[in-house]
Amino acid sequence: MIKDRMVRVKVKKYFKEQRPMCYVGKVTAFSENWVVLDAKGIMLSRLQTNGVQIDTKSNAVMIPRESIDNIRVLPDNYDLNKIQVTTEGQQLRLVVDGPRDVFLGELGEG
């Protein structure tokens, strides 16, 4: 289904103080219970000047499906080494060539 596709996975927040978290990467395995990605984590953070903290290298990440808020499919040629984030009003967005930029979260959430 989405195996071998580049995606942005937004993880659910379970309490108000929890920082919003997303993963951007390639799906290596997918089942009814979990998704495995080779991905970089992106966490919203007020302490960072650009509003986000991005992992320096990609890692294998296993995410339970009940923890996933939503999944956005990215272009297959998306480069994990050139992740860029921009603001649009109060929203932090992942810059993607071609389609509209991908929502990450609101400024001040982290």
C-alpha atoms as a PDB file:
ATOM      1  CA  MET A   1       0.000   0.000   0.000  1.00  0.00           C
ATOM      2  CA  ILE A   2       2.457   2.723   1.125  1.00  0.00           C
ATOM      3  CA  LYS A   3       5.534   0.497   1.357  1.00  0.00           C
ATOM      4  CA  ASP A   4       8.594   2.097  -0.282  1.00  0.00           C
ATOM      5  CA  ARG A   5       6.892   5.528  -0.384  1.00  0.00           C
ATOM      6  CA  MET A   6       8.185   8.730   1.192  1.00  0.00           C
ATOM      7  CA  VAL A   7       5.778   9.965   3.880  1.00  0.00           C
ATOM      8  CA  ARG A   8       5.277  12.418   6.728  1.00  0.00           C
ATOM      9  CA  VAL A   9       3.734  10.684   9.759  1.00  0.00           C
ATOM     10  CA  LYS A  10       2.229  12.943  12.420  1.00  0.00           C
ATOM     11  CA  VAL A  11       2.047  11.324  15.867  1.00  0.00           C
ATOM     12  CA  LYS A  12      -0.938  11.933  18.190  1.00  0.00           C
ATOM     13  CA  LYS A  13      -0.565  14.078  21.294  1.00  0.00           C
ATOM     14  CA  TYR A  14      -1.916  12.375  24.409  1.00  0.00           C
ATOM     15  CA  PHE A  15      -1.568  15.295  26.831  1.00  0.00           C
ATOM     16  CA  LYS A  16      -1.378  19.089  26.527  1.00  0.00           C
ATOM     17  CA  GLU A  17       2.287  19.453  27.494  1.00  0.00           C
ATOM     18  CA  GLN A  18       3.487  16.832  24.983  1.00  0.00           C
ATOM     19  CA  ARG A  19       5.506  18.332  22.139  1.00  0.00           C
ATOM     20  CA  PRO A  20       4.150  17.678  18.623  1.00  0.00           C
ATOM     21  CA  MET A  21       6.227  15.084  16.772  1.00  0.00           C
ATOM     22  CA  CYS A  22       6.421  14.054  13.113  1.00  0.00           C
ATOM     23  CA  TYR A  23       8.584  11.624  11.191  1.00  0.00           C
ATOM     24  CA  VAL A  24       9.663  12.102   7.575  1.00  0.00           C
ATOM     25  CA  GLY A  25      11.068   9.138   5.701  1.00  0.00           C
ATOM     26  CA  LYS A  26      10.604   6.017   3.625  1.00  0.00           C
ATOM     27  CA  VAL A  27       8.185   3.269   4.693  1.00  0.00           C
ATOM     28  CA  THR A  28      10.074  -0.029   4.948  1.00  0.00           C
ATOM     29  CA  ALA A  29       7.221  -2.143   6.397  1.00  0.00           C
ATOM     30  CA  PHE A  30       3.502  -1.643   6.953  1.00  0.00           C
ATOM     31  CA  SER A  31       0.897  -3.788   8.708  1.00  0.00           C
ATOM     32  CA  GLU A  32      -2.470  -3.369  10.393  1.00  0.00           C
ATOM     33  CA  ASN A  33      -0.697  -2.749  13.742  1.00  0.00           C
ATOM     34  CA  TRP A  34       2.408  -0.702  12.963  1.00  0.00           C
ATOM     35  CA  VAL A  35       4.435   1.257  10.422  1.00  0.00           C
ATOM     36  CA  VAL A  36       8.229   1.013  10.138  1.00  0.00           C
ATOM     37  CA  LEU A  37      10.133   3.935   8.632  1.00  0.00           C
ATOM     38  CA  ASP A  38      13.706   4.816   7.836  1.00  0.00           C
ATOM     39  CA  ALA A  39      13.137   8.401   8.938  1.00  0.00           C
ATOM     40  CA  LYS A  40      14.197  11.592  10.640  1.00  0.00           C
ATOM     41  CA  GLY A  41      12.178  12.917  13.562  1.00  0.00           C
ATOM     42  CA  ILE A  42      10.909  16.490  13.590  1.00  0.00           C
ATOM     43  CA  MET A  43       9.806  17.890  16.950  1.00  0.00           C
ATOM     44  CA  LEU A  44       8.236  21.318  17.391  1.00  0.00           C
ATOM     45  CA  SER A  45      10.219  23.318  19.925  1.00  0.00           C
ATOM     46  CA  ARG A  46       9.932  26.891  21.159  1.00  0.00           C
ATOM     47  CA  LEU A  47      13.619  26.800  22.103  1.00  0.00           C
ATOM     48  CA  GLN A  48      14.765  26.547  18.465  1.00  0.00           C
ATOM     49  CA  THR A  49      14.989  29.705  16.363  1.00  0.00           C
ATOM     50  CA  ASN A  50      13.147  28.103  13.416  1.00  0.00           C
ATOM     51  CA  GLY A  51      10.555  26.415  15.686  1.00  0.00           C
ATOM     52  CA  VAL A  52      11.623  22.798  15.055  1.00  0.00           C
ATOM     53  CA  GLN A  53      14.304  20.338  16.079  1.00  0.00           C
ATOM     54  CA  ILE A  54      15.283  17.913  13.264  1.00  0.00           C
ATOM     55  CA  ASP A  55      17.292  14.714  13.744  1.00  0.00           C
ATOM     56  CA  THR A  56      20.718  14.899  12.107  1.00  0.00           C
ATOM     57  CA  LYS A  57      20.567  11.377  10.645  1.00  0.00           C
ATOM     58  CA  SER A  58      17.815   8.938   9.777  1.00  0.00           C
ATOM     59  CA  ASN A  59      17.050   5.888  11.908  1.00  0.00           C
ATOM     60  CA  ALA A  60      14.682   2.931  11.816  1.00  0.00           C
ATOM     61  CA  VAL A  61      11.467   3.929  13.620  1.00  0.00           C
ATOM     62  CA  MET A  62       8.538   1.636  14.472  1.00  0.00           C
ATOM     63  CA  ILE A  63       5.275   3.497  15.132  1.00  0.00           C
ATOM     64  CA  PRO A  64       2.135   1.764  16.452  1.00  0.00           C
ATOM     65  CA  ARG A  65      -0.820   2.576  14.177  1.00  0.00           C
ATOM     66  CA  GLU A  66      -2.971   3.683  17.143  1.00  0.00           C
ATOM     67  CA  SER A  67      -0.364   6.437  17.803  1.00  0.00           C
ATOM     68  CA  ILE A  68      -0.619   7.878  14.279  1.00  0.00           C
ATOM     69  CA  ASP A  69      -2.685  11.030  13.803  1.00  0.00           C
ATOM     70  CA  ASN A  70      -2.277  11.107  10.009  1.00  0.00           C
ATOM     71  CA  ILE A  71       0.035  10.136   7.158  1.00  0.00           C
ATOM     72  CA  ARG A  72       0.861  12.378   4.198  1.00  0.00           C
ATOM     73  CA  VAL A  73       2.481  10.826   1.121  1.00  0.00           C
ATOM     74  CA  LEU A  74       5.382  12.902  -0.229  1.00  0.00           C
ATOM     75  CA  PRO A  75       6.966  12.813  -3.688  1.00  0.00           C
ATOM     76  CA  ASP A  76       9.208   9.759  -4.157  1.00  0.00           C
ATOM     77  CA  ASN A  77      12.204  12.000  -4.880  1.00  0.00           C
ATOM     78  CA  TYR A  78      11.962  13.876  -1.550  1.00  0.00           C
ATOM     79  CA  ASP A  79      15.490  14.294  -0.121  1.00  0.00           C
ATOM     80  CA  LEU A  80      15.800  13.621   3.637  1.00  0.00           C
ATOM     81  CA  ASN A  81      19.155  15.411   3.697  1.00  0.00           C
ATOM     82  CA  LYS A  82      17.580  18.703   2.605  1.00  0.00           C
ATOM     83  CA  ILE A  83      14.632  19.062   4.995  1.00  0.00           C
ATOM     84  CA  GLN A  84      13.410  22.655   5.070  1.00  0.00           C
ATOM     85  CA  VAL A  85      10.706  24.143   7.290  1.00  0.00           C
ATOM     86  CA  THR A  86       8.860  27.391   6.646  1.00  0.00           C
ATOM     87  CA  THR A  87       6.134  29.366   8.368  1.00  0.00           C
ATOM     88  CA  GLU A  88       2.802  30.289   6.842  1.00  0.00           C
ATOM     89  CA  GLY A  89       0.964  32.504   9.298  1.00  0.00           C
ATOM     90  CA  GLN A  90       1.053  30.556  12.588  1.00  0.00           C
ATOM     91  CA  GLN A  91       1.708  27.204  10.862  1.00  0.00           C
ATOM     92  CA  LEU A  92       5.034  25.416  10.506  1.00  0.00           C
ATOM     93  CA  ARG A  93       5.181  23.633   7.153  1.00  0.00           C
ATOM     94  CA  LEU A  94       7.581  21.147   5.550  1.00  0.00           C
ATOM     95  CA  VAL A  95       8.767  22.516   2.179  1.00  0.00           C
ATOM     96  CA  VAL A  96       7.962  20.033  -0.613  1.00  0.00           C
ATOM     97  CA  ASP A  97       8.630  20.590  -4.322  1.00  0.00           C
ATOM     98  CA  GLY A  98       5.543  20.310  -6.496  1.00  0.00           C
ATOM     99  CA  PRO A  99       2.497  19.856  -4.274  1.00  0.00           C
ATOM    100  CA  ARG A 100       1.528  22.206  -1.496  1.00  0.00           C
ATOM    101  CA  ASP A 101       3.805  22.288   1.562  1.00  0.00           C
ATOM    102  CA  VAL A 102       2.995  19.778   4.329  1.00  0.00           C
ATOM    103  CA  PHE A 103       1.616  20.868   7.743  1.00  0.00           C
ATOM    104  CA  LEU A 104       3.781  20.071  10.789  1.00  0.00           C
ATOM    105  CA  GLY A 105       2.126  22.073  13.566  1.00  0.00           C
ATOM    106  CA  GLU A 106       1.380  25.505  15.010  1.00  0.00           C
ATOM    107  CA  LEU A 107       3.960  27.984  16.269  1.00  0.00           C
ATOM    108  CA  GLY A 108       4.104  27.951  20.055  1.00  0.00           C
ATOM    109  CA  GLU A 109       2.813  24.348  20.345  1.00  0.00           C
ATOM    110  CA  GLY A 110       6.192  22.962  21.331  1.00  0.00           C
END
